[in-house]
Structures are given as structure tokens and as C-alpha cells.
Amino acid sequence: MGYAALEARYRELGDLGHVSAMLNWDEAVMMPVGGGEARAQAMATLSALIHREVVSADTGAWLSQAQAQDDLDAWQAANVREIARERTRAMALSESLVRERTSVAARCEQIWRSARPTSDWAAVVAPLAKLLDLTRETAQRLGDATAMAPYDALLDMYQPGISCAQIDPVFADLREFLPPLIETVLVRRAAPLPLPGPFPRAQQEALGRELMSRIGFDFAHGRLDVSHHPFCGGAPEDTRITTRYDEAEFLPSLMAVLHETGHALYEQGLPKAWRNLPVGEAAGMAVHESQSLLMEMQVCRSREFLQFAAPIIAAHLGGAHANEAAWQADNLYLGSTQVRRGLIRVDADEVTYPLHVILRYEFEQALLGGELQVVDIPDAWDQKMRATLGRATGSNHRDGCMQDVHWFAGLFGYFPCYTLGAVMAAQFFAAAQQKHGAIVAGVSRGDFAPLLNWLRENVHGRGRLVAPEQLLIDATGATLGTAAFKAHLTQRYLNA
């Protein structure tokens, strides 16, 4: 009975996870401001209920019985492995801690949403400090249960198997490689012709929807909406994408849509037979980010993609100027691959982006370790931005330390996944091209099937059947490394 009962329990927990994802989406997209307090309470109760079932005696007994079974197939055995991992982490935390951290995170995020537009740092200091204290306690308990350092335990929560020992050499290599590359590119890269706006939101949305559909997003099982911060959420059968629009500039929003489409394609391509179970989930958030960055950076900012997309973009946004040089593929390519030392991470180009992430990685370690206090973040942020990207933020907290939702939602340990994902994306895309030479030619014609089929077979459809590191090795023949990413940047920005 062990495995069958365990799987039934986790299919129910998967349904509750689906509900939780929709509550989170609704909070970000639809919920009125006055609903915040009640929503925080509801989300806390739901997280406590899920935790209670995971740590229950029944679940433990069924897990022990399943671990002793010798008649499980590879997917079932992997499901047991993932359930055991999840239960070990859950057992380290009390229900009261889970409930309180969920509630405090929801309230902190709501305060951030109202405070960010006016750079009101004072409004978020106390709630963020309380959330950080609860995160430190969570990290310590998880670390004790898994024999990891506290920050490693948070990293492992988002990308199983990853640790500072693996991240540090990757980030050190990029910290050495990127600054001279940036200097060279800033001197060499031509500026694009300006694109005459404004670009009405409705037209931008129509453009995003058309390109999403052409790439492979299934609108029968998904939506595109607006939120403060672009994200992809929901469930494989109901995948929710959000973006934000600026009518003076359309490329940031469009690329955000295409980025989130990469996430959504992963969700929609997860193994159908194993959905609502741990083994049917994505292989971690760094792998998830690899799929969004593969789509946005490797594919949709390429010259080949823009050869296909330029007429579509011009038809939606060009108006009377649609036939002019500014709307042609070469100029759109220049506009999509500009390198700038900017303030905003989500708008950053792929050359400077890793430096934004490394900065946050260093902040998180200092915050978790107590070397940096919440009240001191703005001054420290300004200093690090000056040293890392040559940009000052001063009192502009909106575009400085308040720009990202992650810390205010309690997502400490997530940021490294972005650059790890960029590195993986380059490895995946290089391997896909080596396997199928028609992939790039297909993209230039608007035929994404060869690429999507390769991703379905080698990444999406495998869920958590194998550990993330093995997934990367199986797909690319190599462990995590910077070679493919560095080669990609060098080819696109220096040799193309």
C-alpha cells in the first residue's frame, strides 16, 4: 500500500499547490488593495495545511513503506526520492514558523508594492527586518536538518544540489571576464536608429500575444496579464504570464513577455502523467531560468529571430513608419542587443545582467550572516552599484534596492538562479544546435518546432526524473561551466 497511498496524498497536495499558485497570481494581478490582510491570512493557513500533511505520521509511514518496495519503476522511484527530500526539509520547520513566515512575507510584499513608487524605504524597513529574521531561522533549521550551511540550505530550496562552493567559481570567472568585455562593447557597438513612439499598451499586448502563439504558448491553457513585476506562475494546465508596459518604449516589455514565455513553455511541457507530483515538477529554478533565458536571450534577441519577427513588430507598432529602416531586422537587432550600465536588473542586457545578480548574491550572504542590517541596505546598495556597474542610486530606492520583489516576498536564495540559468541556457542551446542544425534556420522562418521538440525531449518532459546536474549532463554532455556562455557573448558582441 505504501507507494500508492503516498502518491495519492501527494496528488492532493499538488492540487493545494495549484490553489496556492493561483492565490499568488491573483494577489499580484487582480486583488484589491483592501484584500491584503485577509489574503495574507488565507495564504498562511493554506501553507500550514500543506505542511501539516507533508509531516504527518501517515505520510512518514507510507514513505518508509515505499522506500522498501522493489517493484517501483524509474519515475516512481524518483518520485519517492523527491518526496523524501521534501519531507526532510518540512520536518525541520514547525507549522507555526511556516505559517508566520508566509503571512509576514505576504504583508511585506504588499507594503513594498505601495512604497516602491515613491522610494519610501522607511515603510519597508521594519517588515523586511522581521521577514529576514524569520528567514534566518528557517535557513538555520534547514541547514541543521540537511548538514548544509544556512545560505546553502536556501539555495538548495530553489535549485536542488547547488551550493556556494559551486556558484563561487562560476561567478568569479564571470566577474573577471565581463568588465573588459563591457568596456570593449560600449566602444564598438553602434547605436540603433530611434523607434518613433508612443506605443499604445493595447498594441504592445497584441504583439506579445501573437509572438507567444507563434513560439508555442498554448492560450487554451494560459493567460497574459499585467503586474508590478513580470512573472510566470499558475500550473501547467493554467499557466499565467504577466508583464508591465511603458508606452514610450516597447522592447523591455516585449522581451519580458518572451522571457516569461520560456518559463511557460517549460511548465506546459512537463510530463503529463506526473503532474501534481514532485517528480513531475521543474528541475529547479536555475533550470527554469535557463528556459526563459534560452528563449529571450539565445533565441529572441538573435538576428535570426528578428528577421522573422520584424515584419510582425512593424505591423503592430510601426504605423505609417512600418516600412522605414528603423523597423527593419538589422536595426531591431541592434536595439535588442545594446549594452548599457543600467540601474534596473530586469531591463539589463545579457552582458551586464550577471553583475546585477552577483551584487545581490553578495548582499544575501551578508544579510543572512548578519554582516549587513536591513536599515543599512540603501547606502550599501549605492556603494556596490558604483563599484560594480559604475552607477549611483543615492535616494532613488525605487530603481535601487527596492526594484525587485524577491526579498520583500521572502525569496532569499533565488537570485543566483538567474545567472546560473543564463550559463545553462547557453549550454542547452549550443547542444540543441549541434544535434539539429536546422534549429537556427527554423527560427529565422518562424518555425520553432525543432527547438521546442528538442527541449521537450531533453529538458521539459523529464521533470525531476534525474537530478538537475545529471539532466544538464544528459542534455549537453557537460557539467555546469561558463565556456558556452562566454563563447556566445564573444560571438554576438565582438565577432558578429
Protein backbone atom coordinates (compact mmCIF):
# COMPACT_ATOMS: atom_id res chain seq x y z
CA MET A 1 0.00 0.00 0.00
CA GLY A 2 2.89 2.35 0.72
CA TYR A 3 3.65 3.87 -2.67
CA ALA A 4 0.04 4.01 -3.88
CA ALA A 5 -1.11 5.82 -0.73
CA LEU A 6 1.88 8.16 -0.86
CA GLU A 7 1.19 9.09 -4.48
CA ALA A 8 -2.49 9.71 -3.72
CA ARG A 9 -1.53 12.00 -0.83
CA TYR A 10 0.85 13.98 -3.00
CA ARG A 11 -1.63 14.35 -5.84
CA GLU A 12 -3.91 16.05 -3.31
CA LEU A 13 -1.02 18.23 -2.14
CA GLY A 14 -0.38 19.09 -5.77
CA ASP A 15 -3.94 20.35 -6.04
CA LEU A 16 -3.38 22.52 -2.97
CA GLY A 17 -0.17 23.81 -4.55
CA HIS A 18 -2.21 24.73 -7.62
CA VAL A 19 -4.60 26.70 -5.42
CA SER A 20 -1.68 28.45 -3.72
CA ALA A 21 -0.19 29.43 -7.08
CA MET A 22 -3.48 30.94 -8.19
CA LEU A 23 -3.83 32.89 -4.95
CA ASN A 24 -0.36 34.30 -5.52
CA TRP A 25 -1.19 35.23 -9.12
CA ASP A 26 -4.45 36.88 -8.08
CA GLU A 27 -2.69 38.85 -5.36
CA ALA A 28 -0.22 40.26 -7.89
CA VAL A 29 -2.70 40.90 -10.70
CA MET A 30 -6.31 41.26 -9.56
CA MET A 31 -6.64 41.61 -5.80
CA PRO A 32 -7.89 44.98 -4.48
CA VAL A 33 -5.60 46.71 -2.01
CA GLY A 34 -8.11 46.18 0.79
CA GLY A 35 -7.91 42.42 0.41
CA GLY A 36 -4.30 42.20 1.51
CA GLU A 37 -4.75 41.35 5.16
CA ALA A 38 -7.30 38.62 4.56
CA ARG A 39 -5.25 37.20 1.69
CA ALA A 40 -2.13 37.01 3.85
CA GLN A 41 -4.11 35.08 6.45
CA ALA A 42 -5.57 32.72 3.83
CA MET A 43 -2.18 32.01 2.29
CA ALA A 44 -0.66 31.38 5.71
CA THR A 45 -3.44 28.91 6.54
CA LEU A 46 -3.01 27.10 3.23
CA SER A 47 0.77 26.80 3.66
CA ALA A 48 0.22 25.44 7.18
CA LEU A 49 -2.27 22.85 5.90
CA ILE A 50 0.15 21.67 3.23
CA HIS A 51 2.99 21.50 5.75
CA ARG A 52 0.79 19.54 8.17
CA GLU A 53 0.09 16.86 5.57
CA VAL A 54 3.73 16.57 4.50
CA VAL A 55 4.98 15.99 8.07
CA SER A 56 2.07 13.78 9.17
CA ALA A 57 2.67 10.31 10.60
CA ASP A 58 0.70 8.75 7.74
CA THR A 59 2.92 10.37 5.14
CA GLY A 60 6.02 9.20 7.02
CA ALA A 61 4.75 5.63 7.27
CA TRP A 62 3.79 5.45 3.60
CA LEU A 63 7.16 6.93 2.62
CA SER A 64 9.04 4.30 4.64
CA GLN A 65 6.98 1.54 3.04
CA ALA A 66 7.54 2.96 -0.45
CA GLN A 67 11.30 3.21 0.14
CA ALA A 68 11.31 -0.52 0.94
CA GLN A 69 9.42 -1.52 -2.22
CA ASP A 70 11.38 -3.18 -5.02
CA ASP A 71 8.67 -3.02 -7.68
CA LEU A 72 8.81 0.70 -8.48
CA ASP A 73 9.64 1.93 -11.97
CA ALA A 74 12.16 4.72 -12.58
CA TRP A 75 9.57 7.51 -12.32
CA GLN A 76 8.06 6.13 -9.13
CA ALA A 77 11.48 5.68 -7.55
CA ALA A 78 12.39 9.26 -8.46
CA ASN A 79 9.08 10.43 -7.00
CA VAL A 80 9.90 8.71 -3.71
CA ARG A 81 13.33 10.35 -3.73
CA GLU A 82 11.83 13.81 -4.23
CA ILE A 83 9.14 13.25 -1.59
CA ALA A 84 11.78 12.16 0.92
CA ARG A 85 13.78 15.29 0.19
CA GLU A 86 10.72 17.49 0.63
CA ARG A 87 9.68 15.77 3.85
CA THR A 88 13.15 16.08 5.39
CA ARG A 89 13.05 19.83 4.83
CA ALA A 90 9.48 20.14 6.06
CA MET A 91 10.22 18.18 9.23
CA ALA A 92 12.89 20.75 10.10
CA LEU A 93 10.28 23.52 10.33
CA SER A 94 7.44 23.95 12.79
CA GLU A 95 3.97 24.65 11.48
CA SER A 96 3.93 27.92 13.39
CA LEU A 97 7.12 29.08 11.65
CA VAL A 98 5.74 28.15 8.23
CA ARG A 99 2.50 29.96 8.94
CA GLU A 100 4.17 33.09 10.33
CA ARG A 101 6.76 33.38 7.57
CA THR A 102 4.11 33.03 4.87
CA SER A 103 1.94 35.67 6.50
CA VAL A 104 4.78 38.12 7.11
CA ALA A 105 6.08 37.67 3.54
CA ALA A 106 2.64 38.36 2.06
CA ARG A 107 2.23 41.52 4.12
CA CYS A 108 5.77 42.70 3.41
CA GLU A 109 5.25 42.30 -0.33
CA GLN A 110 2.02 44.27 -0.17
CA ILE A 111 3.76 47.12 1.69
CA TRP A 112 6.56 47.06 -0.90
CA ARG A 113 4.07 47.42 -3.75
CA SER A 114 2.65 50.64 -2.29
CA ALA A 115 6.01 52.02 -1.08
CA ARG A 116 8.18 51.40 -4.15
CA PRO A 117 6.70 54.06 -6.47
CA THR A 118 7.70 56.82 -4.03
CA SER A 119 11.01 55.24 -2.88
CA ASP A 120 9.59 55.04 0.63
CA TRP A 121 12.31 52.90 2.18
CA ALA A 122 11.24 53.76 5.71
CA ALA A 123 7.92 51.98 5.15
CA VAL A 124 9.56 48.63 4.38
CA VAL A 125 12.42 48.56 6.89
CA ALA A 126 10.50 47.04 9.82
CA PRO A 127 8.52 44.41 7.85
CA LEU A 128 11.60 43.40 5.85
CA ALA A 129 13.69 43.11 9.02
CA LYS A 130 11.05 40.86 10.57
CA LEU A 131 10.90 38.73 7.43
CA LEU A 132 14.69 38.48 7.37
CA ASP A 133 14.72 37.26 10.99
CA LEU A 134 12.21 34.53 10.10
CA THR A 135 14.26 33.65 7.02
CA ARG A 136 17.42 33.33 9.12
CA GLU A 137 15.59 30.99 11.48
CA THR A 138 14.27 28.97 8.53
CA ALA A 139 17.72 28.77 6.95
CA GLN A 140 19.33 27.64 10.21
CA ARG A 141 16.75 24.91 10.79
CA LEU A 142 17.00 23.68 7.20
CA GLY A 143 20.77 23.73 7.40
CA ASP A 144 20.77 21.70 10.60
CA ALA A 145 18.45 19.10 9.04
CA THR A 146 20.44 18.75 5.82
CA ALA A 147 24.02 19.29 7.07
CA MET A 148 24.33 22.45 5.00
CA ALA A 149 25.36 25.99 5.78
CA PRO A 150 22.26 28.14 6.27
CA TYR A 151 22.60 30.07 3.00
CA ASP A 152 23.33 26.87 1.08
CA ALA A 153 20.10 25.46 2.53
CA LEU A 154 18.19 28.38 1.00
CA LEU A 155 19.96 27.97 -2.35
CA ASP A 156 19.10 24.27 -2.32
CA MET A 157 15.44 25.14 -1.77
CA TYR A 158 15.32 26.82 -5.20
CA GLN A 159 17.89 24.78 -7.10
CA PRO A 160 18.45 21.32 -5.60
CA GLY A 161 22.07 20.33 -5.31
CA ILE A 162 23.58 23.80 -5.76
CA SER A 163 25.79 25.47 -3.17
CA CYS A 164 28.12 28.44 -2.76
CA ALA A 165 31.04 26.09 -3.43
CA GLN A 166 29.70 25.56 -6.97
CA ILE A 167 28.47 29.10 -7.53
CA ASP A 168 31.55 30.97 -6.36
CA PRO A 169 33.95 29.83 -9.12
CA VAL A 170 31.33 30.45 -11.80
CA PHE A 171 30.67 33.96 -10.54
CA ALA A 172 34.37 34.67 -10.04
CA ASP A 173 35.05 33.70 -13.65
CA LEU A 174 32.27 35.99 -14.89
CA ARG A 175 33.35 38.85 -12.63
CA GLU A 176 36.76 38.69 -14.29
CA PHE A 177 35.50 38.14 -17.84
CA LEU A 178 32.65 40.65 -18.07
CA PRO A 179 34.09 44.10 -17.18
CA PRO A 180 36.64 44.21 -20.03
CA LEU A 181 34.05 42.79 -22.42
CA ILE A 182 31.61 45.53 -21.40
CA GLU A 183 34.25 48.22 -21.97
CA THR A 184 35.03 46.88 -25.45
CA VAL A 185 31.40 46.51 -26.47
CA LEU A 186 30.48 50.00 -25.28
CA VAL A 187 33.13 51.41 -27.61
CA ARG A 188 32.37 49.20 -30.62
CA ARG A 189 28.59 48.76 -30.61
CA ALA A 190 26.70 51.06 -32.97
CA ALA A 191 23.59 52.81 -31.73
CA PRO A 192 20.27 51.85 -33.32
CA LEU A 193 18.01 54.24 -35.19
CA PRO A 194 15.34 55.57 -32.84
CA LEU A 195 11.91 53.96 -32.99
CA PRO A 196 9.14 56.59 -33.07
CA GLY A 197 6.58 56.13 -30.32
CA PRO A 198 4.34 56.22 -28.47
CA PHE A 199 3.46 52.53 -28.42
CA PRO A 200 -0.08 52.05 -27.04
CA ARG A 201 -0.44 49.32 -24.49
CA ALA A 202 -3.16 47.51 -26.44
CA GLN A 203 -0.90 47.24 -29.50
CA GLN A 204 2.02 46.01 -27.41
CA GLU A 205 -0.20 43.38 -25.84
CA ALA A 206 -1.46 42.20 -29.24
CA LEU A 207 2.13 41.91 -30.46
CA GLY A 208 3.15 39.92 -27.40
CA ARG A 209 0.23 37.54 -27.81
CA GLU A 210 0.98 36.89 -31.46
CA LEU A 211 4.65 36.13 -30.85
CA MET A 212 3.81 33.96 -27.83
CA SER A 213 1.47 31.91 -30.00
CA ARG A 214 3.97 31.60 -32.84
CA ILE A 215 6.66 30.35 -30.44
CA GLY A 216 4.37 27.69 -28.98
CA PHE A 217 2.47 29.08 -25.96
CA ASP A 218 -0.92 27.41 -25.56
CA PHE A 219 -3.52 30.08 -24.79
CA ALA A 220 -6.11 27.40 -24.15
CA HIS A 221 -4.07 26.65 -21.03
CA GLY A 222 -2.68 30.07 -20.15
CA ARG A 223 -3.03 33.85 -19.93
CA LEU A 224 -1.10 37.10 -20.33
CA ASP A 225 -1.80 39.85 -17.77
CA VAL A 226 -0.19 42.87 -16.08
CA SER A 227 1.56 43.09 -12.70
CA HIS A 228 4.11 45.24 -10.88
CA HIS A 229 6.84 42.73 -11.69
CA PRO A 230 6.83 40.31 -14.68
CA PHE A 231 6.50 36.66 -13.69
CA CYS A 232 5.20 33.26 -14.74
CA GLY A 233 3.02 31.31 -12.33
CA GLY A 234 -0.03 29.13 -12.15
CA ALA A 235 0.09 25.48 -13.14
CA PRO A 236 0.96 23.50 -16.30
CA GLU A 237 -2.71 23.31 -17.29
CA ASP A 238 -3.28 27.00 -16.48
CA THR A 239 -0.04 28.93 -16.92
CA ARG A 240 -0.13 32.62 -16.04
CA ILE A 241 2.30 35.16 -17.52
CA THR A 242 2.46 38.82 -16.53
CA THR A 243 4.39 41.81 -17.82
CA ARG A 244 4.33 45.60 -17.44
CA TYR A 245 4.10 48.21 -20.20
CA ASP A 246 5.78 51.52 -20.97
CA GLU A 247 4.16 53.34 -23.87
CA ALA A 248 7.39 55.26 -24.54
CA GLU A 249 9.45 52.09 -25.09
CA PHE A 250 8.23 48.65 -26.17
CA LEU A 251 11.31 46.41 -26.24
CA PRO A 252 11.62 45.89 -22.44
CA SER A 253 8.02 44.72 -22.17
CA LEU A 254 8.19 42.56 -25.28
CA MET A 255 11.37 40.86 -24.13
CA ALA A 256 9.83 40.33 -20.69
CA VAL A 257 6.89 38.60 -22.37
CA LEU A 258 9.21 36.40 -24.40
CA HIS A 259 11.28 35.63 -21.30
CA GLU A 260 8.19 34.54 -19.38
CA THR A 261 7.07 32.54 -22.41
CA GLY A 262 10.21 30.45 -21.99
CA HIS A 263 9.14 29.71 -18.42
CA ALA A 264 5.62 28.91 -19.58
CA LEU A 265 6.76 26.51 -22.30
CA TYR A 266 8.66 24.59 -19.64
CA GLU A 267 5.57 24.40 -17.43
CA GLN A 268 3.31 23.40 -20.30
CA GLY A 269 5.81 20.75 -21.39
CA LEU A 270 6.23 19.00 -18.04
CA PRO A 271 5.38 15.27 -18.14
CA LYS A 272 1.57 14.98 -18.14
CA ALA A 273 1.42 11.64 -16.35
CA TRP A 274 3.37 13.02 -13.37
CA ARG A 275 1.85 16.45 -12.89
CA ASN A 276 0.75 17.29 -9.35
CA LEU A 277 3.62 15.13 -8.07
CA PRO A 278 7.14 16.19 -7.05
CA VAL A 279 8.76 14.14 -9.82
CA GLY A 280 6.65 15.99 -12.39
CA GLU A 281 7.85 19.43 -11.34
CA ALA A 282 10.58 21.51 -12.97
CA ALA A 283 14.14 20.54 -12.09
CA GLY A 284 14.78 23.68 -10.06
CA MET A 285 14.64 27.42 -10.60
CA ALA A 286 18.07 27.73 -12.22
CA VAL A 287 16.91 25.20 -14.81
CA HIS A 288 13.65 27.14 -15.08
CA GLU A 289 15.58 30.36 -15.66
CA SER A 290 17.65 28.57 -18.29
CA GLN A 291 14.47 28.01 -20.28
CA SER A 292 13.32 31.63 -20.06
CA LEU A 293 16.78 32.97 -20.85
CA LEU A 294 17.28 30.50 -23.67
CA MET A 295 14.10 31.84 -25.24
CA GLU A 296 14.71 35.52 -24.54
CA MET A 297 18.47 35.86 -24.88
CA GLN A 298 19.69 32.99 -27.02
CA VAL A 299 16.71 32.99 -29.42
CA CYS A 300 14.57 36.12 -29.36
CA ARG A 301 17.40 38.65 -29.28
CA SER A 302 19.13 36.87 -32.16
CA ARG A 303 19.38 38.28 -35.67
CA GLU A 304 17.58 35.20 -36.98
CA PHE A 305 14.55 35.65 -34.74
CA LEU A 306 14.28 39.32 -35.61
CA GLN A 307 14.39 38.51 -39.33
CA PHE A 308 11.20 36.58 -38.70
CA ALA A 309 9.68 38.95 -36.14
CA ALA A 310 10.49 42.36 -37.67
CA PRO A 311 7.50 42.45 -40.08
CA ILE A 312 5.18 41.38 -37.25
CA ILE A 313 6.57 44.01 -34.88
CA ALA A 314 6.30 46.72 -37.54
CA ALA A 315 2.75 45.72 -38.42
CA HIS A 316 1.64 46.10 -34.80
CA LEU A 317 3.64 49.17 -33.80
CA GLY A 318 5.15 50.87 -36.84
CA GLY A 319 2.03 52.53 -38.18
CA ALA A 320 2.82 54.84 -41.08
CA HIS A 321 6.55 54.30 -40.49
CA ALA A 322 6.44 50.48 -40.72
CA ASN A 323 8.49 50.36 -43.93
CA GLU A 324 11.25 52.65 -42.70
CA ALA A 325 14.74 51.45 -41.81
CA ALA A 326 14.17 51.76 -38.07
CA TRP A 327 11.68 48.87 -38.21
CA GLN A 328 13.88 46.50 -40.19
CA ALA A 329 15.51 43.44 -38.67
CA ASP A 330 19.06 44.83 -38.56
CA ASN A 331 18.00 47.88 -36.56
CA LEU A 332 15.75 45.90 -34.25
CA TYR A 333 18.69 43.55 -33.66
CA LEU A 334 20.90 46.48 -32.72
CA GLY A 335 18.20 47.77 -30.38
CA SER A 336 17.76 44.34 -28.79
CA THR A 337 21.47 43.84 -28.14
CA GLN A 338 22.51 47.23 -26.81
CA VAL A 339 24.82 47.11 -23.79
CA ARG A 340 24.33 49.73 -21.09
CA ARG A 341 25.31 50.13 -17.47
CA GLY A 342 21.77 50.48 -16.19
CA LEU A 343 20.14 50.57 -12.78
CA ILE A 344 17.37 48.03 -13.39
CA ARG A 345 18.11 44.31 -13.35
CA VAL A 346 15.05 43.18 -15.32
CA ASP A 347 15.85 45.66 -18.10
CA ALA A 348 19.56 44.80 -18.22
CA ASP A 349 21.26 43.35 -21.28
CA GLU A 350 22.78 39.89 -21.11
CA VAL A 351 26.34 41.22 -20.77
CA THR A 352 25.80 43.40 -17.71
CA TYR A 353 23.00 41.28 -16.20
CA PRO A 354 25.26 38.80 -14.35
CA LEU A 355 26.87 41.67 -12.45
CA HIS A 356 23.43 42.69 -11.15
CA VAL A 357 22.95 39.14 -9.90
CA ILE A 358 26.40 38.81 -8.35
CA LEU A 359 25.75 42.03 -6.42
CA ARG A 360 22.53 40.58 -4.99
CA TYR A 361 24.21 37.26 -4.22
CA GLU A 362 26.78 39.07 -2.11
CA PHE A 363 24.06 41.10 -0.39
CA GLU A 364 22.09 38.00 0.51
CA GLN A 365 25.06 36.32 2.14
CA ALA A 366 25.81 39.45 4.14
CA LEU A 367 22.17 39.82 5.22
CA LEU A 368 21.78 36.16 6.20
CA GLY A 369 25.09 36.20 8.03
CA GLY A 370 24.29 39.38 9.95
CA GLU A 371 27.15 41.42 8.47
CA LEU A 372 24.60 43.78 6.91
CA GLN A 373 21.43 45.08 8.56
CA VAL A 374 18.24 45.96 6.69
CA VAL A 375 18.38 49.62 7.67
CA ASP A 376 21.82 49.93 6.02
CA ILE A 377 20.86 48.37 2.66
CA PRO A 378 20.34 51.66 0.69
CA ASP A 379 23.81 53.06 1.40
CA ALA A 380 25.45 49.69 0.82
CA TRP A 381 23.48 49.30 -2.43
CA ASP A 382 24.64 52.67 -3.71
CA GLN A 383 28.26 51.79 -2.92
CA LYS A 384 28.08 48.37 -4.56
CA MET A 385 26.35 49.71 -7.67
CA ARG A 386 29.08 52.32 -8.05
CA ALA A 387 31.79 49.68 -7.68
CA THR A 388 30.13 47.00 -9.82
CA LEU A 389 28.36 48.90 -12.61
CA GLY A 390 29.52 52.47 -12.22
CA ARG A 391 26.02 53.73 -11.44
CA ALA A 392 24.85 55.57 -8.34
CA THR A 393 21.36 55.21 -6.88
CA GLY A 394 21.50 57.66 -3.97
CA SER A 395 17.98 58.21 -2.66
CA ASN A 396 16.40 56.61 -5.75
CA HIS A 397 15.43 53.47 -3.88
CA ARG A 398 12.69 52.69 -6.42
CA ASP A 399 15.35 51.91 -9.01
CA GLY A 400 17.84 50.74 -6.41
CA CYS A 401 17.32 48.41 -3.50
CA MET A 402 13.51 48.42 -3.85
CA GLN A 403 13.37 47.48 -7.52
CA ASP A 404 12.96 43.70 -7.08
CA VAL A 405 10.13 41.92 -5.29
CA HIS A 406 12.22 38.93 -4.19
CA TRP A 407 13.44 39.95 -0.72
CA PHE A 408 10.11 41.56 0.15
CA ALA A 409 8.42 38.24 -0.74
CA GLY A 410 10.96 36.25 1.30
CA LEU A 411 12.74 34.76 -1.72
CA PHE A 412 16.28 34.86 -0.34
CA GLY A 413 18.48 32.44 -2.27
CA TYR A 414 16.67 32.83 -5.60
CA PHE A 415 18.79 35.49 -7.30
CA PRO A 416 21.77 33.25 -8.21
CA CYS A 417 19.38 31.12 -10.28
CA TYR A 418 19.20 33.86 -12.91
CA THR A 419 22.86 33.80 -13.86
CA LEU A 420 23.20 30.06 -13.33
CA GLY A 421 20.25 29.85 -15.72
CA ALA A 422 21.99 32.06 -18.28
CA VAL A 423 25.03 29.80 -18.17
CA MET A 424 22.86 26.69 -18.55
CA ALA A 425 20.86 28.31 -21.36
CA ALA A 426 24.00 28.76 -23.43
CA GLN A 427 24.93 25.12 -22.85
CA PHE A 428 21.45 23.87 -23.74
CA PHE A 429 21.17 25.99 -26.89
CA ALA A 430 24.64 25.03 -28.12
CA ALA A 431 23.82 21.36 -27.60
CA ALA A 432 20.47 21.72 -29.36
CA GLN A 433 22.11 23.35 -32.38
CA GLN A 434 24.79 20.68 -32.50
CA LYS A 435 22.11 17.98 -32.50
CA HIS A 436 19.80 19.68 -35.00
CA GLY A 437 21.44 22.03 -37.48
CA ALA A 438 18.02 23.23 -38.67
CA ILE A 439 17.13 24.96 -35.40
CA VAL A 440 18.53 28.41 -36.22
CA ALA A 441 17.25 28.31 -39.80
CA GLY A 442 13.85 27.35 -38.44
CA VAL A 443 13.83 30.32 -36.06
CA SER A 444 14.51 32.69 -38.96
CA ARG A 445 11.36 31.33 -40.68
CA GLY A 446 9.23 31.35 -37.53
CA ASP A 447 9.42 27.56 -37.20
CA PHE A 448 10.14 26.83 -33.55
CA ALA A 449 9.16 23.16 -33.64
CA PRO A 450 12.73 21.75 -33.97
CA LEU A 451 13.89 23.71 -30.92
CA LEU A 452 10.76 23.06 -28.87
CA ASN A 453 10.83 19.35 -29.68
CA TRP A 454 14.46 19.13 -28.51
CA LEU A 455 13.61 20.95 -25.28
CA ARG A 456 10.57 18.76 -24.68
CA GLU A 457 12.68 15.62 -25.06
CA ASN A 458 15.78 16.73 -23.17
CA VAL A 459 14.50 19.14 -20.51
CA HIS A 460 10.76 19.76 -20.18
CA GLY A 461 9.47 16.22 -20.41
CA ARG A 462 11.98 14.83 -17.95
CA GLY A 463 10.66 16.70 -14.90
CA ARG A 464 12.72 15.59 -11.90
CA LEU A 465 13.37 12.09 -13.16
CA VAL A 466 17.09 12.70 -12.62
CA ALA A 467 19.00 15.21 -10.51
CA PRO A 468 19.46 18.65 -12.15
CA GLU A 469 23.20 18.16 -12.66
CA GLN A 470 22.54 14.85 -14.43
CA LEU A 471 19.83 16.49 -16.55
CA LEU A 472 22.41 19.03 -17.77
CA ILE A 473 24.99 16.32 -18.44
CA ASP A 474 22.49 14.14 -20.31
CA ALA A 475 21.39 17.04 -22.50
CA THR A 476 24.72 18.74 -23.15
CA GLY A 477 27.44 16.23 -22.32
CA ALA A 478 29.00 18.58 -19.75
CA THR A 479 28.64 19.77 -16.18
CA LEU A 480 27.87 23.41 -15.36
CA GLY A 481 30.53 25.72 -16.78
CA THR A 482 30.94 29.16 -18.32
CA ALA A 483 32.57 28.18 -21.63
CA ALA A 484 29.41 28.15 -23.77
CA PHE A 485 28.09 31.37 -22.21
CA LYS A 486 31.36 33.21 -22.76
CA ALA A 487 31.60 31.92 -26.32
CA HIS A 488 28.05 33.10 -27.00
CA LEU A 489 28.74 36.63 -25.68
CA THR A 490 32.01 36.86 -27.57
CA GLN A 491 30.42 35.76 -30.85
CA ARG A 492 27.37 38.03 -30.57
CA TYR A 493 29.03 41.18 -29.27
CA LEU A 494 32.56 41.07 -30.70
CA ASN A 495 32.58 38.82 -33.75
CA ALA A 496 29.13 39.13 -35.34
